[in-house]
Amino acid sequence: MSTIVRYIFLLISPVIFAQLPASLIKLTESNDSFDDYKGSIYNTLGYTNASVINEKSGKYDVELRYNIFSDALEFKKGNELFNVIKSPTTHARISDEYFYYCEFTTRSGTKRHGYYVLVELNEHYRIYKRYILKIIEPRKSNSNISAEIEAPGNIIKQTKYYIEEEGAIMELPMKKKELLYVLGDEMDKLKAYIKKEKIRLRKEEDLIRLVSKYNAIKNTDPNQSRSLISSMSQNN
């Protein structure tokens, strides 16, 4: 997470309150459907020190956890469970991650709403990541006599990365061959950069560095479009 992202998050949140007001939370129920599965539908094991930012009323220091399955920020008060109201004007920091409820559009015009974690803020683009779940259902016996479970269900957390410009997003492939294909108009320069800097795309910071390098290369040519998404779309 870049320093400028942290700075902007703090800059818009000068007021600190102890608890979330009723206007920012909604009563919900816990989900026990996956209690017998390996893995968790939550991003963290428990509630974590966090801050909720409402652009109108200020900052609230609380404990939150992110429910990936329901795409919700959960807040507990006594024995009651609440979700933070989903709104583009209400953000949250959980540990060192900055969650924004975004309303994006894909290249095909599909609307994508949900919580995205901002990982890089650039003058021309932003990079977000989004958590998703791969859920493998329990495997049951084929016996007609019993329906015993042979293997429990499994929940695997996965991360996808997106580049965003002016509300439009495009997924960034995490495999080297696929990403270089998307960045194909500068493939030779990027291959040399990957080799020289020992870039590993599975590392978030290296993915950010590679996109930054691509942006720098594109900006050296005044005849090329400054839109990275447009350039990537043409290559894809």
C-alpha atoms as a PDB file:
ATOM      1  CA  MET A   1       0.000   0.000   0.000  1.00  0.00           C
ATOM      2  CA  SER A   2       1.494   3.294  -1.086  1.00  0.00           C
ATOM      3  CA  THR A   3       2.011   6.162   1.350  1.00  0.00           C
ATOM      4  CA  ILE A   4      -0.199   8.476  -0.710  1.00  0.00           C
ATOM      5  CA  VAL A   5      -3.184   6.118  -0.311  1.00  0.00           C
ATOM      6  CA  ARG A   6      -2.776   6.176   3.465  1.00  0.00           C
ATOM      7  CA  TYR A   7      -2.438   9.952   3.425  1.00  0.00           C
ATOM      8  CA  ILE A   8      -5.610  10.516   1.420  1.00  0.00           C
ATOM      9  CA  PHE A   9      -7.542   8.141   3.664  1.00  0.00           C
ATOM     10  CA  LEU A  10      -6.487  10.084   6.752  1.00  0.00           C
ATOM     11  CA  LEU A  11      -6.901  13.475   5.111  1.00  0.00           C
ATOM     12  CA  ILE A  12     -10.650  13.044   4.626  1.00  0.00           C
ATOM     13  CA  SER A  13     -11.244  11.744   8.154  1.00  0.00           C
ATOM     14  CA  PRO A  14     -10.344  14.345  10.782  1.00  0.00           C
ATOM     15  CA  VAL A  15     -13.040  13.478  13.329  1.00  0.00           C
ATOM     16  CA  ILE A  16     -12.915  10.379  15.550  1.00  0.00           C
ATOM     17  CA  PHE A  17     -15.965   8.780  17.177  1.00  0.00           C
ATOM     18  CA  ALA A  18     -16.165   5.716  19.438  1.00  0.00           C
ATOM     19  CA  GLN A  19     -19.068   3.824  17.840  1.00  0.00           C
ATOM     20  CA  LEU A  20     -20.784   3.579  14.495  1.00  0.00           C
ATOM     21  CA  PRO A  21     -24.084   5.502  14.361  1.00  0.00           C
ATOM     22  CA  ALA A  22     -27.310   3.706  13.462  1.00  0.00           C
ATOM     23  CA  SER A  23     -27.392   5.465  10.094  1.00  0.00           C
ATOM     24  CA  LEU A  24     -24.256   3.592   8.968  1.00  0.00           C
ATOM     25  CA  ILE A  25     -25.160   0.036  10.018  1.00  0.00           C
ATOM     26  CA  LYS A  26     -27.823  -2.527   9.212  1.00  0.00           C
ATOM     27  CA  LEU A  27     -28.837  -5.486  11.398  1.00  0.00           C
ATOM     28  CA  THR A  28     -27.932  -8.864   9.880  1.00  0.00           C
ATOM     29  CA  GLU A  29     -27.590 -12.525  10.853  1.00  0.00           C
ATOM     30  CA  SER A  30     -24.535 -14.734  11.049  1.00  0.00           C
ATOM     31  CA  ASN A  31     -24.059 -17.387   8.367  1.00  0.00           C
ATOM     32  CA  ASP A  32     -23.430 -20.880   9.733  1.00  0.00           C
ATOM     33  CA  SER A  33     -23.862 -22.668   6.400  1.00  0.00           C
ATOM     34  CA  PHE A  34     -20.120 -23.205   6.059  1.00  0.00           C
ATOM     35  CA  ASP A  35     -19.209 -24.143   9.636  1.00  0.00           C
ATOM     36  CA  ASP A  36     -18.243 -27.686   8.612  1.00  0.00           C
ATOM     37  CA  TYR A  37     -16.113 -26.579   5.667  1.00  0.00           C
ATOM     38  CA  LYS A  38     -12.351 -26.256   5.699  1.00  0.00           C
ATOM     39  CA  GLY A  39     -11.379 -22.628   5.326  1.00  0.00           C
ATOM     40  CA  SER A  40     -13.379 -19.520   6.097  1.00  0.00           C
ATOM     41  CA  ILE A  41     -15.719 -17.116   4.332  1.00  0.00           C
ATOM     42  CA  TYR A  42     -14.018 -14.289   6.230  1.00  0.00           C
ATOM     43  CA  ASN A  43     -10.887 -12.418   5.263  1.00  0.00           C
ATOM     44  CA  THR A  44      -9.543 -12.575   8.831  1.00  0.00           C
ATOM     45  CA  LEU A  45     -10.088 -15.075  11.621  1.00  0.00           C
ATOM     46  CA  GLY A  46     -11.667 -12.544  13.957  1.00  0.00           C
ATOM     47  CA  TYR A  47     -12.604  -8.915  14.295  1.00  0.00           C
ATOM     48  CA  THR A  48      -9.720  -6.543  13.680  1.00  0.00           C
ATOM     49  CA  ASN A  49      -8.972  -2.972  14.670  1.00  0.00           C
ATOM     50  CA  ALA A  50     -10.426  -0.814  11.942  1.00  0.00           C
ATOM     51  CA  SER A  51     -11.709   2.611  10.986  1.00  0.00           C
ATOM     52  CA  VAL A  52     -14.868   3.464   9.099  1.00  0.00           C
ATOM     53  CA  ILE A  53     -14.884   6.706   7.150  1.00  0.00           C
ATOM     54  CA  ASN A  54     -18.093   8.437   6.198  1.00  0.00           C
ATOM     55  CA  GLU A  55     -17.350  11.414   3.973  1.00  0.00           C
ATOM     56  CA  LYS A  56     -20.055  13.506   5.651  1.00  0.00           C
ATOM     57  CA  SER A  57     -19.798  12.627   9.335  1.00  0.00           C
ATOM     58  CA  GLY A  58     -16.156  11.601   9.831  1.00  0.00           C
ATOM     59  CA  LYS A  59     -14.125   8.698  11.154  1.00  0.00           C
ATOM     60  CA  TYR A  60     -15.144   5.948  13.583  1.00  0.00           C
ATOM     61  CA  ASP A  61     -12.635   3.585  15.208  1.00  0.00           C
ATOM     62  CA  VAL A  62     -14.207   0.136  15.603  1.00  0.00           C
ATOM     63  CA  GLU A  63     -13.499  -3.565  15.084  1.00  0.00           C
ATOM     64  CA  LEU A  64     -14.570  -5.087  11.773  1.00  0.00           C
ATOM     65  CA  ARG A  65     -14.232  -8.193   9.685  1.00  0.00           C
ATOM     66  CA  TYR A  66     -14.860  -8.606   5.961  1.00  0.00           C
ATOM     67  CA  ASN A  67     -17.290 -11.335   4.903  1.00  0.00           C
ATOM     68  CA  ILE A  68     -16.150 -12.338   1.414  1.00  0.00           C
ATOM     69  CA  PHE A  69     -19.185 -14.534   0.749  1.00  0.00           C
ATOM     70  CA  SER A  70     -21.729 -11.775   1.395  1.00  0.00           C
ATOM     71  CA  ASP A  71     -19.341  -8.964   0.366  1.00  0.00           C
ATOM     72  CA  ALA A  72     -20.037  -7.126   3.609  1.00  0.00           C
ATOM     73  CA  LEU A  73     -18.148  -5.354   6.388  1.00  0.00           C
ATOM     74  CA  GLU A  74     -19.392  -6.838   9.656  1.00  0.00           C
ATOM     75  CA  PHE A  75     -19.592  -5.028  12.980  1.00  0.00           C
ATOM     76  CA  LYS A  76     -20.649  -6.588  16.274  1.00  0.00           C
ATOM     77  CA  LYS A  77     -22.365  -4.692  19.069  1.00  0.00           C
ATOM     78  CA  GLY A  78     -23.124  -6.821  22.105  1.00  0.00           C
ATOM     79  CA  ASN A  79     -24.778  -9.979  20.817  1.00  0.00           C
ATOM     80  CA  GLU A  80     -26.069  -8.312  17.664  1.00  0.00           C
ATOM     81  CA  LEU A  81     -24.401  -8.469  14.274  1.00  0.00           C
ATOM     82  CA  PHE A  82     -24.502  -5.575  11.806  1.00  0.00           C
ATOM     83  CA  ASN A  83     -23.278  -4.812   8.307  1.00  0.00           C
ATOM     84  CA  VAL A  84     -21.814  -1.439   7.470  1.00  0.00           C
ATOM     85  CA  ILE A  85     -24.133   0.223   4.964  1.00  0.00           C
ATOM     86  CA  LYS A  86     -22.765  -0.261   1.439  1.00  0.00           C
ATOM     87  CA  SER A  87     -22.146   3.164  -0.034  1.00  0.00           C
ATOM     88  CA  PRO A  88     -19.498   4.794  -2.255  1.00  0.00           C
ATOM     89  CA  THR A  89     -19.191   7.519   0.398  1.00  0.00           C
ATOM     90  CA  THR A  90     -18.373   5.121   3.244  1.00  0.00           C
ATOM     91  CA  HIS A  91     -14.958   3.453   3.318  1.00  0.00           C
ATOM     92  CA  ALA A  92     -13.081   1.291   5.792  1.00  0.00           C
ATOM     93  CA  ARG A  93      -9.555   0.470   6.819  1.00  0.00           C
ATOM     94  CA  ILE A  94      -9.043  -3.015   8.275  1.00  0.00           C
ATOM     95  CA  SER A  95      -5.457  -3.462   9.439  1.00  0.00           C
ATOM     96  CA  ASP A  96      -3.484  -2.122   6.446  1.00  0.00           C
ATOM     97  CA  GLU A  97      -6.163  -2.680   3.813  1.00  0.00           C
ATOM     98  CA  TYR A  98      -8.442   0.068   2.510  1.00  0.00           C
ATOM     99  CA  PHE A  99     -11.914  -1.102   1.450  1.00  0.00           C
ATOM    100  CA  TYR A 100     -13.998   1.013  -0.913  1.00  0.00           C
ATOM    101  CA  TYR A 101     -17.508   0.206  -2.068  1.00  0.00           C
ATOM    102  CA  CYS A 102     -17.183   0.856  -5.788  1.00  0.00           C
ATOM    103  CA  GLU A 103     -19.536   1.086  -8.738  1.00  0.00           C
ATOM    104  CA  PHE A 104     -17.453   0.186 -11.766  1.00  0.00           C
ATOM    105  CA  THR A 105     -18.131  -0.658 -15.402  1.00  0.00           C
ATOM    106  CA  THR A 106     -16.238  -3.324 -17.354  1.00  0.00           C
ATOM    107  CA  ARG A 107     -15.026  -2.902 -20.937  1.00  0.00           C
ATOM    108  CA  SER A 108     -18.157  -4.731 -22.132  1.00  0.00           C
ATOM    109  CA  GLY A 109     -20.411  -2.305 -20.239  1.00  0.00           C
ATOM    110  CA  THR A 110     -21.283  -4.670 -17.374  1.00  0.00           C
ATOM    111  CA  LYS A 111     -21.837  -2.986 -14.014  1.00  0.00           C
ATOM    112  CA  ARG A 112     -19.703  -4.266 -11.133  1.00  0.00           C
ATOM    113  CA  HIS A 113     -20.589  -3.197  -7.599  1.00  0.00           C
ATOM    114  CA  GLY A 114     -18.812  -4.330  -4.462  1.00  0.00           C
ATOM    115  CA  TYR A 115     -15.921  -3.885  -2.069  1.00  0.00           C
ATOM    116  CA  TYR A 116     -12.519  -3.406  -3.662  1.00  0.00           C
ATOM    117  CA  VAL A 117      -9.232  -2.887  -1.817  1.00  0.00           C
ATOM    118  CA  LEU A 118      -7.192   0.032  -3.143  1.00  0.00           C
ATOM    119  CA  VAL A 119      -3.542  -0.950  -3.500  1.00  0.00           C
ATOM    120  CA  GLU A 120      -2.117   1.724  -5.804  1.00  0.00           C
ATOM    121  CA  LEU A 121      -3.135   5.287  -6.574  1.00  0.00           C
ATOM    122  CA  ASN A 122      -1.618   6.925  -9.634  1.00  0.00           C
ATOM    123  CA  GLU A 123      -2.370  10.207 -11.355  1.00  0.00           C
ATOM    124  CA  HIS A 124      -3.813   8.344 -14.340  1.00  0.00           C
ATOM    125  CA  TYR A 125      -5.033   5.024 -12.925  1.00  0.00           C
ATOM    126  CA  ARG A 126      -5.723   3.003  -9.792  1.00  0.00           C
ATOM    127  CA  ILE A 127      -5.086  -0.645  -8.999  1.00  0.00           C
ATOM    128  CA  TYR A 128      -7.574  -2.523  -6.834  1.00  0.00           C
ATOM    129  CA  LYS A 129      -7.784  -6.062  -5.599  1.00  0.00           C
ATOM    130  CA  ARG A 130     -10.946  -7.995  -4.848  1.00  0.00           C
ATOM    131  CA  TYR A 131     -11.334 -11.102  -2.723  1.00  0.00           C
ATOM    132  CA  ILE A 132     -13.429 -13.970  -4.027  1.00  0.00           C
ATOM    133  CA  LEU A 133     -14.142 -17.492  -2.809  1.00  0.00           C
ATOM    134  CA  LYS A 134     -13.830 -20.831  -4.547  1.00  0.00           C
ATOM    135  CA  ILE A 135     -16.218 -23.137  -2.729  1.00  0.00           C
ATOM    136  CA  ILE A 136     -15.831 -26.895  -3.145  1.00  0.00           C
ATOM    137  CA  GLU A 137     -18.908 -28.721  -1.919  1.00  0.00           C
ATOM    138  CA  PRO A 138     -18.615 -31.793   0.347  1.00  0.00           C
ATOM    139  CA  ARG A 139     -18.305 -35.087  -1.502  1.00  0.00           C
ATOM    140  CA  LYS A 140     -20.896 -37.616  -0.410  1.00  0.00           C
ATOM    141  CA  SER A 141     -20.864 -41.369  -0.655  1.00  0.00           C
ATOM    142  CA  ASN A 142     -22.527 -42.885  -3.717  1.00  0.00           C
ATOM    143  CA  SER A 143     -23.919 -45.679  -1.592  1.00  0.00           C
ATOM    144  CA  ASN A 144     -27.679 -46.058  -1.684  1.00  0.00           C
ATOM    145  CA  ILE A 145     -27.634 -47.130   1.934  1.00  0.00           C
ATOM    146  CA  SER A 146     -26.076 -44.007   3.405  1.00  0.00           C
ATOM    147  CA  ALA A 147     -25.254 -40.491   2.414  1.00  0.00           C
ATOM    148  CA  GLU A 148     -22.163 -40.140   4.538  1.00  0.00           C
ATOM    149  CA  ILE A 149     -19.701 -37.405   3.629  1.00  0.00           C
ATOM    150  CA  GLU A 150     -16.469 -38.834   2.202  1.00  0.00           C
ATOM    151  CA  ALA A 151     -14.697 -35.483   2.029  1.00  0.00           C
ATOM    152  CA  PRO A 152     -15.617 -32.188   3.718  1.00  0.00           C
ATOM    153  CA  GLY A 153     -16.277 -29.004   1.799  1.00  0.00           C
ATOM    154  CA  ASN A 154     -13.440 -26.602   1.222  1.00  0.00           C
ATOM    155  CA  ILE A 155     -13.298 -22.817   0.986  1.00  0.00           C
ATOM    156  CA  ILE A 156     -10.367 -21.273  -0.869  1.00  0.00           C
ATOM    157  CA  LYS A 157      -9.750 -17.526  -0.803  1.00  0.00           C
ATOM    158  CA  GLN A 158      -8.554 -16.047  -4.081  1.00  0.00           C
ATOM    159  CA  THR A 159      -7.477 -12.551  -5.091  1.00  0.00           C
ATOM    160  CA  LYS A 160      -8.101 -10.796  -8.386  1.00  0.00           C
ATOM    161  CA  TYR A 161      -6.496  -7.522  -9.452  1.00  0.00           C
ATOM    162  CA  TYR A 162      -8.008  -4.741 -11.552  1.00  0.00           C
ATOM    163  CA  ILE A 163      -6.789  -1.552 -13.156  1.00  0.00           C
ATOM    164  CA  GLU A 164      -9.300   1.324 -13.076  1.00  0.00           C
ATOM    165  CA  GLU A 165      -9.545   4.567 -15.026  1.00  0.00           C
ATOM    166  CA  GLU A 166     -12.457   6.968 -14.581  1.00  0.00           C
ATOM    167  CA  GLY A 167     -14.798   4.272 -13.305  1.00  0.00           C
ATOM    168  CA  ALA A 168     -13.908   1.645 -15.938  1.00  0.00           C
ATOM    169  CA  ILE A 169     -12.057  -1.482 -14.839  1.00  0.00           C
ATOM    170  CA  MET A 170     -10.130  -4.273 -16.489  1.00  0.00           C
ATOM    171  CA  GLU A 171      -8.869  -7.415 -14.787  1.00  0.00           C
ATOM    172  CA  LEU A 172      -5.098  -7.877 -14.696  1.00  0.00           C
ATOM    173  CA  PRO A 173      -4.052 -11.483 -15.390  1.00  0.00           C
ATOM    174  CA  MET A 174      -1.691 -12.909 -12.783  1.00  0.00           C
ATOM    175  CA  LYS A 175       0.107 -15.291 -15.110  1.00  0.00           C
ATOM    176  CA  LYS A 176       3.192 -13.833 -16.789  1.00  0.00           C
ATOM    177  CA  LYS A 177       2.338 -15.047 -20.293  1.00  0.00           C
ATOM    178  CA  GLU A 178      -1.245 -13.762 -20.124  1.00  0.00           C
ATOM    179  CA  LEU A 179      -0.304 -10.366 -18.702  1.00  0.00           C
ATOM    180  CA  LEU A 180       2.448  -9.837 -21.280  1.00  0.00           C
ATOM    181  CA  TYR A 181      -0.102 -10.621 -23.976  1.00  0.00           C
ATOM    182  CA  VAL A 182      -2.368  -7.876 -22.599  1.00  0.00           C
ATOM    183  CA  LEU A 183       0.622  -5.517 -22.515  1.00  0.00           C
ATOM    184  CA  GLY A 184       1.750  -6.809 -25.900  1.00  0.00           C
ATOM    185  CA  ASP A 185       2.561  -3.495 -27.561  1.00  0.00           C
ATOM    186  CA  GLU A 186       5.481  -3.096 -25.149  1.00  0.00           C
ATOM    187  CA  MET A 187       6.243  -6.785 -24.622  1.00  0.00           C
ATOM    188  CA  ASP A 188       9.964  -6.701 -25.432  1.00  0.00           C
ATOM    189  CA  LYS A 189      10.689  -3.799 -23.083  1.00  0.00           C
ATOM    190  CA  LEU A 190       8.636  -5.381 -20.310  1.00  0.00           C
ATOM    191  CA  LYS A 191      10.301  -8.767 -20.730  1.00  0.00           C
ATOM    192  CA  ALA A 192      13.668  -7.080 -20.269  1.00  0.00           C
ATOM    193  CA  TYR A 193      12.358  -5.207 -17.226  1.00  0.00           C
ATOM    194  CA  ILE A 194      10.967  -8.405 -15.668  1.00  0.00           C
ATOM    195  CA  LYS A 195      14.293 -10.162 -16.142  1.00  0.00           C
ATOM    196  CA  LYS A 196      16.398  -7.267 -14.873  1.00  0.00           C
ATOM    197  CA  GLU A 197      14.241  -6.546 -11.799  1.00  0.00           C
ATOM    198  CA  LYS A 198      13.375 -10.208 -11.127  1.00  0.00           C
ATOM    199  CA  ILE A 199       9.662  -9.418 -11.189  1.00  0.00           C
ATOM    200  CA  ARG A 200       7.315 -12.064  -9.812  1.00  0.00           C
ATOM    201  CA  LEU A 201       3.694 -11.321 -10.656  1.00  0.00           C
ATOM    202  CA  ARG A 202       2.363 -13.358  -7.740  1.00  0.00           C
ATOM    203  CA  LYS A 203       3.778 -10.624  -5.520  1.00  0.00           C
ATOM    204  CA  GLU A 204       1.427  -7.670  -5.298  1.00  0.00           C
ATOM    205  CA  GLU A 205       4.194  -5.085  -5.163  1.00  0.00           C
ATOM    206  CA  ASP A 206       5.802  -6.548  -8.302  1.00  0.00           C
ATOM    207  CA  LEU A 207       2.529  -6.411 -10.217  1.00  0.00           C
ATOM    208  CA  ILE A 208       2.222  -2.749  -9.236  1.00  0.00           C
ATOM    209  CA  ARG A 209       5.786  -2.086 -10.383  1.00  0.00           C
ATOM    210  CA  LEU A 210       5.176  -3.712 -13.767  1.00  0.00           C
ATOM    211  CA  VAL A 211       2.025  -1.683 -14.443  1.00  0.00           C
ATOM    212  CA  SER A 212       3.883   1.456 -13.374  1.00  0.00           C
ATOM    213  CA  LYS A 213       6.674   0.608 -15.820  1.00  0.00           C
ATOM    214  CA  TYR A 214       4.134   0.088 -18.610  1.00  0.00           C
ATOM    215  CA  ASN A 215       2.579   3.457 -17.808  1.00  0.00           C
ATOM    216  CA  ALA A 216       6.000   5.128 -17.868  1.00  0.00           C
ATOM    217  CA  ILE A 217       6.819   3.602 -21.263  1.00  0.00           C
ATOM    218  CA  LYS A 218       3.498   4.706 -22.735  1.00  0.00           C
ATOM    219  CA  ASN A 219       3.962   8.258 -21.460  1.00  0.00           C
ATOM    220  CA  THR A 220       7.302   8.654 -23.231  1.00  0.00           C
ATOM    221  CA  ASP A 221       5.495   8.656 -26.590  1.00  0.00           C
ATOM    222  CA  PRO A 222       3.305  11.781 -26.990  1.00  0.00           C
ATOM    223  CA  ASN A 223       1.506  10.162 -29.930  1.00  0.00           C
ATOM    224  CA  GLN A 224       0.127   7.302 -27.857  1.00  0.00           C
ATOM    225  CA  SER A 225      -3.068   7.298 -25.815  1.00  0.00           C
ATOM    226  CA  ARG A 226      -2.612   8.041 -22.109  1.00  0.00           C
ATOM    227  CA  SER A 227      -5.339   5.514 -21.325  1.00  0.00           C
ATOM    228  CA  LEU A 228      -3.785   2.252 -20.165  1.00  0.00           C
ATOM    229  CA  ILE A 229      -7.089   0.391 -20.366  1.00  0.00           C
ATOM    230  CA  SER A 230      -7.580   1.456 -23.989  1.00  0.00           C
ATOM    231  CA  SER A 231      -4.064   0.296 -24.844  1.00  0.00           C
ATOM    232  CA  MET A 232      -4.531  -3.012 -23.032  1.00  0.00           C
ATOM    233  CA  SER A 233      -7.915  -3.580 -24.690  1.00  0.00           C
ATOM    234  CA  GLN A 234      -6.356  -3.179 -28.122  1.00  0.00           C
ATOM    235  CA  ASN A 235      -3.748  -5.790 -27.249  1.00  0.00           C
ATOM    236  CA  ASN A 236      -6.256  -8.246 -25.786  1.00  0.00           C
END
